[in-house]
Amino acid sequence: MGWWKIKDVKSGQIDECFNGTSGTLNAIHGEDTDVLVNGDEVSDIIGSAIQKINEAYKCNWGRSATPEELQAAFNFVLNPQKNLLANANLIAGEDSEGKSALRENNHA
């Protein structure tokens, strides 16, 4: 299992010349903290998710999802990023400034 620098977000392709290497496993954990990375494990998880999505489409619509439907599904889940970050902070018990966001009535 390896990690690599992403060439660009739109294509998602591997930047094979990153770090002076000519291979695909070129991102080093702990060193390449200022670049976007992807890895085998992440790709496998997304591949499995797409298979499950296609199974749902086949079961309900008799066909696989189109690329546009897959993109729309990911956009639906991922957008807007501000809400995701706000939700992540709330789950962690912080507001957008890192201050405690827990209220007395939210304690379990």
Protein backbone atom coordinates (compact mmCIF):
# COMPACT_ATOMS: atom_id res chain seq x y z
CA MET A 1 0.00 0.00 0.00
CA GLY A 2 1.42 3.31 -1.03
CA TRP A 3 0.66 7.01 -1.20
CA TRP A 4 1.24 9.48 -4.00
CA LYS A 5 0.92 13.18 -4.71
CA ILE A 6 -2.16 14.07 -6.72
CA LYS A 7 -1.23 15.86 -9.96
CA ASP A 8 -4.47 17.87 -10.00
CA VAL A 9 -7.85 17.53 -8.34
CA LYS A 10 -9.89 17.50 -11.56
CA SER A 11 -8.13 14.49 -13.11
CA GLY A 12 -7.12 12.84 -9.83
CA GLN A 13 -4.06 11.45 -11.57
CA ILE A 14 -0.73 10.67 -9.95
CA ASP A 15 2.06 13.26 -10.16
CA GLU A 16 4.68 10.72 -11.18
CA CYS A 17 7.56 13.22 -11.11
CA PHE A 18 6.99 14.48 -7.56
CA ASN A 19 9.99 14.34 -5.18
CA GLY A 20 12.32 13.68 -8.10
CA THR A 21 11.00 10.17 -8.55
CA SER A 22 9.55 8.61 -11.66
CA GLY A 23 7.21 6.26 -9.85
CA THR A 24 3.75 6.28 -8.41
CA LEU A 25 4.54 5.76 -4.71
CA ASN A 26 6.15 9.11 -4.04
CA ALA A 27 4.48 10.77 -1.04
CA ILE A 28 6.15 10.28 2.30
CA HIS A 29 4.05 10.37 5.48
CA GLY A 30 5.24 13.08 7.82
CA GLU A 31 7.32 14.85 5.16
CA ASP A 32 4.90 15.78 2.39
CA THR A 33 2.37 17.61 4.52
CA ASP A 34 1.70 20.52 2.15
CA VAL A 35 0.51 18.50 -0.87
CA LEU A 36 -2.69 16.65 -1.73
CA VAL A 37 -2.22 12.88 -1.57
CA ASN A 38 -4.13 9.73 -2.40
CA GLY A 39 -3.38 6.10 -1.75
CA ASP A 40 -4.20 2.50 -2.57
CA GLU A 41 -6.40 2.04 0.49
CA VAL A 42 -8.45 5.16 -0.25
CA SER A 43 -8.84 4.14 -3.89
CA ASP A 44 -9.98 0.66 -2.86
CA ILE A 45 -12.59 2.11 -0.47
CA ILE A 46 -13.98 4.42 -3.14
CA GLY A 47 -13.97 1.58 -5.69
CA SER A 48 -16.01 -0.57 -3.30
CA ALA A 49 -18.42 2.33 -2.68
CA ILE A 50 -18.94 2.80 -6.41
CA GLN A 51 -19.67 -0.93 -6.78
CA LYS A 52 -22.31 -0.66 -4.04
CA ILE A 53 -23.81 2.44 -5.65
CA ASN A 54 -24.02 0.62 -8.99
CA GLU A 55 -25.70 -2.36 -7.27
CA ALA A 56 -28.33 0.03 -5.87
CA TYR A 57 -28.92 1.54 -9.31
CA LYS A 58 -29.16 -1.91 -10.92
CA CYS A 59 -31.62 -3.09 -8.29
CA ASN A 60 -33.81 0.01 -8.54
CA TRP A 61 -33.29 1.24 -12.09
CA GLY A 62 -32.01 -1.83 -13.98
CA ARG A 63 -28.73 -0.13 -14.90
CA SER A 64 -25.49 1.20 -13.47
CA ALA A 65 -25.14 4.82 -12.43
CA THR A 66 -23.92 7.21 -15.09
CA PRO A 67 -20.70 9.16 -14.45
CA GLU A 68 -22.84 12.28 -14.00
CA GLU A 69 -24.99 10.54 -11.36
CA LEU A 70 -21.88 9.37 -9.51
CA GLN A 71 -20.43 12.90 -9.60
CA ALA A 72 -23.74 14.35 -8.39
CA ALA A 73 -23.89 11.81 -5.55
CA PHE A 74 -20.38 12.70 -4.40
CA ASN A 75 -21.15 16.43 -4.70
CA PHE A 76 -24.35 15.92 -2.70
CA VAL A 77 -22.36 14.30 0.10
CA LEU A 78 -19.28 16.55 -0.03
CA ASN A 79 -20.72 20.02 -0.68
CA PRO A 80 -20.59 22.56 0.73
CA GLN A 81 -17.22 22.07 2.39
CA LYS A 82 -17.97 24.73 5.01
CA ASN A 83 -20.79 22.64 6.42
CA LEU A 84 -18.60 19.56 6.58
CA LEU A 85 -15.89 21.42 8.45
CA ALA A 86 -18.45 22.97 10.79
CA ASN A 87 -19.97 19.54 11.45
CA ALA A 88 -16.54 18.03 12.08
CA ASN A 89 -15.78 20.77 14.58
CA LEU A 90 -19.11 20.25 16.32
CA ILE A 91 -18.50 16.51 16.58
CA ALA A 92 -15.12 17.32 18.09
CA GLY A 93 -16.87 19.69 20.50
CA GLU A 94 -15.44 22.89 18.99
CA ASP A 95 -16.83 25.84 17.07
CA SER A 96 -15.20 27.26 13.94
CA GLU A 97 -12.64 29.07 16.11
CA GLY A 98 -11.68 25.96 18.07
CA LYS A 99 -13.64 26.97 21.17
CA SER A 100 -15.85 24.52 23.04
CA ALA A 101 -19.24 24.33 21.32
CA LEU A 102 -20.92 21.91 23.72
CA ARG A 103 -23.99 23.22 25.50
CA GLU A 104 -25.16 21.95 28.84
CA ASN A 105 -28.23 20.30 27.33
CA ASN A 106 -26.10 18.42 24.78
CA HIS A 107 -24.21 16.37 27.33
CA ALA A 108 -25.06 12.69 27.17
